[in-house]
C-alpha cells in the first residue's frame, strides 16, 4: 500500500512540475519562434564620406530560398533598381552585397528588430559606416 501511495505522490509531483515549468523558447533551445517576414520597402539613412547624408531605399521580396531585393539611393551612387546579391537572412541578421555606379562592391550586414534594421556597410576599399532602416508604412 505504501508503494502505491509513493507512486501516486511521485506522479502528482511530476505533473505539477510539468504544469508550472516555463515554456521552451528559441533562446533556450526549445521550440523556434514564428519566422519573421522582412519583405517590403525599407527606407534608411547613412553618411557617405565626402558626400553627406544618403537616403537608401531597399525593397525585399520573399523568394523560394529566402529573399531577393533591389536598392537605390538619393545621392545616385547606386543605380536605381540595383539587384541585391548574396542575400542571406539567418538568426535575425540580414546580409547582402551590391554594386555602386562605379562598379565597386558594398556589403551590408543588418540586425533585424521588428520594423527596424540597424547595421553597417563596408565598401570594398575598406570604408565603413552605420546604416539604419525603418519599414515604410503602407
C-alpha atoms as a PDB file:
ATOM      1  CA  UNK A   1       0.000   0.000   0.000  1.00  0.00           C
ATOM      2  CA  UNK A   2       2.862   2.375   0.806  1.00  0.00           C
ATOM      3  CA  UNK A   3       4.442   1.764  -2.617  1.00  0.00           C
ATOM      4  CA  UNK A   4       1.129   2.595  -4.288  1.00  0.00           C
ATOM      5  CA  UNK A   5       0.952   5.934  -2.412  1.00  0.00           C
ATOM      6  CA  UNK A   6       4.581   6.647  -3.272  1.00  0.00           C
ATOM      7  CA  UNK A   7       3.886   6.111  -6.968  1.00  0.00           C
ATOM      8  CA  UNK A   8       0.805   8.358  -6.873  1.00  0.00           C
ATOM      9  CA  UNK A   9       2.695  11.108  -4.987  1.00  0.00           C
ATOM     10  CA  UNK A  10       5.606  10.891  -7.436  1.00  0.00           C
ATOM     11  CA  UNK A  11       3.235  11.149 -10.375  1.00  0.00           C
ATOM     12  CA  UNK A  12       1.472  14.185  -8.853  1.00  0.00           C
ATOM     13  CA  UNK A  13       4.828  15.921  -8.211  1.00  0.00           C
ATOM     14  CA  UNK A  14       5.978  15.328 -11.779  1.00  0.00           C
ATOM     15  CA  UNK A  15       2.628  16.560 -13.111  1.00  0.00           C
ATOM     16  CA  UNK A  16       2.886  19.753 -11.018  1.00  0.00           C
ATOM     17  CA  UNK A  17       6.450  20.373 -12.232  1.00  0.00           C
ATOM     18  CA  UNK A  18       5.401  19.931 -15.852  1.00  0.00           C
ATOM     19  CA  UNK A  19       2.384  22.169 -15.383  1.00  0.00           C
ATOM     20  CA  UNK A  20       4.336  25.080 -13.897  1.00  0.00           C
ATOM     21  CA  UNK A  21       7.593  24.764 -15.868  1.00  0.00           C
ATOM     22  CA  UNK A  22       8.340  27.677 -18.211  1.00  0.00           C
ATOM     23  CA  UNK A  23       7.539  27.119 -21.873  1.00  0.00           C
ATOM     24  CA  UNK A  24      10.567  26.452 -24.094  1.00  0.00           C
ATOM     25  CA  UNK A  25      11.699  29.240 -26.400  1.00  0.00           C
ATOM     26  CA  UNK A  26      14.207  29.696 -29.227  1.00  0.00           C
ATOM     27  CA  UNK A  27      16.935  31.041 -26.937  1.00  0.00           C
ATOM     28  CA  UNK A  28      16.768  28.071 -24.581  1.00  0.00           C
ATOM     29  CA  UNK A  29      16.903  25.551 -27.417  1.00  0.00           C
ATOM     30  CA  UNK A  30      13.178  24.798 -27.324  1.00  0.00           C
ATOM     31  CA  UNK A  31      10.589  25.435 -29.975  1.00  0.00           C
ATOM     32  CA  UNK A  32      11.518  28.051 -32.558  1.00  0.00           C
ATOM     33  CA  UNK A  33       9.767  31.374 -32.767  1.00  0.00           C
ATOM     34  CA  UNK A  34       7.456  32.264 -35.606  1.00  0.00           C
ATOM     35  CA  UNK A  35       9.502  33.247 -38.695  1.00  0.00           C
ATOM     36  CA  UNK A  36       9.891  36.967 -39.289  1.00  0.00           C
ATOM     37  CA  UNK A  37       8.813  38.264 -42.711  1.00  0.00           C
ATOM     38  CA  UNK A  38      11.073  41.133 -43.770  1.00  0.00           C
ATOM     39  CA  UNK A  39       9.577  41.586 -47.232  1.00  0.00           C
ATOM     40  CA  UNK A  40       8.522  45.115 -48.086  1.00  0.00           C
ATOM     41  CA  UNK A  41      10.023  48.556 -48.563  1.00  0.00           C
ATOM     42  CA  UNK A  42      12.642  49.799 -46.106  1.00  0.00           C
ATOM     43  CA  UNK A  43      13.993  53.354 -46.007  1.00  0.00           C
ATOM     44  CA  UNK A  44      17.343  54.049 -44.402  1.00  0.00           C
ATOM     45  CA  UNK A  45      19.898  56.748 -43.815  1.00  0.00           C
ATOM     46  CA  UNK A  46      23.676  56.682 -43.756  1.00  0.00           C
ATOM     47  CA  UNK A  47      26.581  59.067 -44.088  1.00  0.00           C
ATOM     48  CA  UNK A  48      28.666  58.754 -47.262  1.00  0.00           C
ATOM     49  CA  UNK A  49      32.218  60.117 -46.894  1.00  0.00           C
ATOM     50  CA  UNK A  50      32.721  63.428 -48.747  1.00  0.00           C
ATOM     51  CA  UNK A  51      29.070  63.407 -49.907  1.00  0.00           C
ATOM     52  CA  UNK A  52      26.857  63.704 -46.829  1.00  0.00           C
ATOM     53  CA  UNK A  53      23.643  62.066 -45.746  1.00  0.00           C
ATOM     54  CA  UNK A  54      22.236  59.487 -48.149  1.00  0.00           C
ATOM     55  CA  UNK A  55      18.690  58.123 -48.076  1.00  0.00           C
ATOM     56  CA  UNK A  56      18.682  54.484 -49.150  1.00  0.00           C
ATOM     57  CA  UNK A  57      15.581  52.571 -50.249  1.00  0.00           C
ATOM     58  CA  UNK A  58      15.631  48.787 -50.145  1.00  0.00           C
ATOM     59  CA  UNK A  59      12.779  46.602 -51.433  1.00  0.00           C
ATOM     60  CA  UNK A  60      12.786  42.984 -50.258  1.00  0.00           C
ATOM     61  CA  UNK A  61      10.680  40.169 -51.703  1.00  0.00           C
ATOM     62  CA  UNK A  62      10.223  36.639 -50.425  1.00  0.00           C
ATOM     63  CA  UNK A  63      11.724  34.055 -52.763  1.00  0.00           C
ATOM     64  CA  UNK A  64      11.711  30.276 -52.844  1.00  0.00           C
ATOM     65  CA  UNK A  65      15.003  30.068 -50.943  1.00  0.00           C
ATOM     66  CA  UNK A  66      14.975  33.252 -48.852  1.00  0.00           C
ATOM     67  CA  UNK A  67      14.786  36.812 -50.166  1.00  0.00           C
ATOM     68  CA  UNK A  68      15.608  38.867 -53.235  1.00  0.00           C
ATOM     69  CA  UNK A  69      15.643  42.621 -53.498  1.00  0.00           C
ATOM     70  CA  UNK A  70      16.667  45.897 -55.040  1.00  0.00           C
ATOM     71  CA  UNK A  71      18.312  49.028 -53.692  1.00  0.00           C
ATOM     72  CA  UNK A  72      18.557  52.715 -54.677  1.00  0.00           C
ATOM     73  CA  UNK A  73      19.693  55.947 -53.021  1.00  0.00           C
ATOM     74  CA  UNK A  74      19.244  59.722 -53.033  1.00  0.00           C
ATOM     75  CA  UNK A  75      22.874  60.592 -53.882  1.00  0.00           C
ATOM     76  CA  UNK A  76      22.819  58.472 -57.073  1.00  0.00           C
ATOM     77  CA  UNK A  77      25.864  56.413 -56.072  1.00  0.00           C
ATOM     78  CA  UNK A  78      23.620  53.360 -56.588  1.00  0.00           C
ATOM     79  CA  UNK A  79      21.802  52.859 -59.891  1.00  0.00           C
ATOM     80  CA  UNK A  80      18.031  52.737 -59.174  1.00  0.00           C
ATOM     81  CA  UNK A  81      16.793  49.141 -59.092  1.00  0.00           C
ATOM     82  CA  UNK A  82      20.223  47.613 -58.442  1.00  0.00           C
ATOM     83  CA  UNK A  83      19.799  43.934 -57.567  1.00  0.00           C
ATOM     84  CA  UNK A  84      20.935  42.681 -54.183  1.00  0.00           C
ATOM     85  CA  UNK A  85      23.382  39.751 -54.365  1.00  0.00           C
ATOM     86  CA  UNK A  86      24.222  37.013 -51.897  1.00  0.00           C
ATOM     87  CA  UNK A  87      21.147  37.805 -49.785  1.00  0.00           C
ATOM     88  CA  UNK A  88      21.133  35.872 -46.503  1.00  0.00           C
ATOM     89  CA  UNK A  89      18.674  36.141 -43.611  1.00  0.00           C
ATOM     90  CA  UNK A  90      19.679  33.940 -40.689  1.00  0.00           C
ATOM     91  CA  UNK A  91      19.123  34.252 -36.945  1.00  0.00           C
ATOM     92  CA  UNK A  92      17.720  37.776 -37.256  1.00  0.00           C
ATOM     93  CA  UNK A  93      20.618  39.070 -39.366  1.00  0.00           C
ATOM     94  CA  UNK A  94      20.242  40.207 -42.978  1.00  0.00           C
ATOM     95  CA  UNK A  95      23.336  40.472 -45.158  1.00  0.00           C
ATOM     96  CA  UNK A  96      23.842  41.181 -48.857  1.00  0.00           C
ATOM     97  CA  UNK A  97      26.071  42.951 -51.360  1.00  0.00           C
ATOM     98  CA  UNK A  98      25.516  45.201 -54.381  1.00  0.00           C
ATOM     99  CA  UNK A  99      27.430  47.282 -56.923  1.00  0.00           C
ATOM    100  CA  UNK A 100      27.770  51.054 -56.932  1.00  0.00           C
ATOM    101  CA  UNK A 101      27.581  53.056 -60.176  1.00  0.00           C
ATOM    102  CA  UNK A 102      31.409  52.951 -60.424  1.00  0.00           C
ATOM    103  CA  UNK A 103      31.417  49.130 -60.140  1.00  0.00           C
ATOM    104  CA  UNK A 104      32.695  48.992 -56.545  1.00  0.00           C
ATOM    105  CA  UNK A 105      31.090  46.388 -54.272  1.00  0.00           C
ATOM    106  CA  UNK A 106      29.434  47.260 -50.964  1.00  0.00           C
ATOM    107  CA  UNK A 107      28.343  44.694 -48.381  1.00  0.00           C
ATOM    108  CA  UNK A 108      25.735  45.360 -45.730  1.00  0.00           C
ATOM    109  CA  UNK A 109      25.026  43.458 -42.528  1.00  0.00           C
ATOM    110  CA  UNK A 110      21.884  44.368 -40.561  1.00  0.00           C
ATOM    111  CA  UNK A 111      20.303  43.183 -37.329  1.00  0.00           C
ATOM    112  CA  UNK A 112      16.525  42.970 -37.741  1.00  0.00           C
ATOM    113  CA  UNK A 113      14.375  44.158 -34.841  1.00  0.00           C
ATOM    114  CA  UNK A 114      10.684  44.245 -35.777  1.00  0.00           C
ATOM    115  CA  UNK A 115      10.208  47.328 -38.014  1.00  0.00           C
ATOM    116  CA  UNK A 116      13.831  48.481 -37.774  1.00  0.00           C
ATOM    117  CA  UNK A 117      17.161  47.247 -39.118  1.00  0.00           C
ATOM    118  CA  UNK A 118      20.484  48.577 -37.873  1.00  0.00           C
ATOM    119  CA  UNK A 119      23.948  47.702 -39.020  1.00  0.00           C
ATOM    120  CA  UNK A 120      26.967  48.569 -41.059  1.00  0.00           C
ATOM    121  CA  UNK A 121      28.026  48.844 -44.690  1.00  0.00           C
ATOM    122  CA  UNK A 122      31.536  48.120 -45.932  1.00  0.00           C
ATOM    123  CA  UNK A 123      32.990  49.417 -49.210  1.00  0.00           C
ATOM    124  CA  UNK A 124      35.418  47.112 -50.998  1.00  0.00           C
ATOM    125  CA  UNK A 125      38.211  49.627 -50.336  1.00  0.00           C
ATOM    126  CA  UNK A 126      37.639  49.392 -46.582  1.00  0.00           C
ATOM    127  CA  UNK A 127      35.465  52.408 -45.727  1.00  0.00           C
ATOM    128  CA  UNK A 128      32.612  51.594 -43.360  1.00  0.00           C
ATOM    129  CA  UNK A 129      29.578  53.359 -41.995  1.00  0.00           C
ATOM    130  CA  UNK A 130      26.459  52.749 -39.967  1.00  0.00           C
ATOM    131  CA  UNK A 131      23.056  52.484 -41.569  1.00  0.00           C
ATOM    132  CA  UNK A 132      19.556  52.346 -40.083  1.00  0.00           C
ATOM    133  CA  UNK A 133      16.470  51.219 -41.988  1.00  0.00           C
ATOM    134  CA  UNK A 134      12.837  51.523 -40.981  1.00  0.00           C
ATOM    135  CA  UNK A 135       9.973  49.660 -42.614  1.00  0.00           C
ATOM    136  CA  UNK A 136       7.953  52.008 -44.808  1.00  0.00           C
ATOM    137  CA  UNK A 137       4.335  52.088 -43.752  1.00  0.00           C
ATOM    138  CA  UNK A 138       1.833  51.243 -46.458  1.00  0.00           C
END
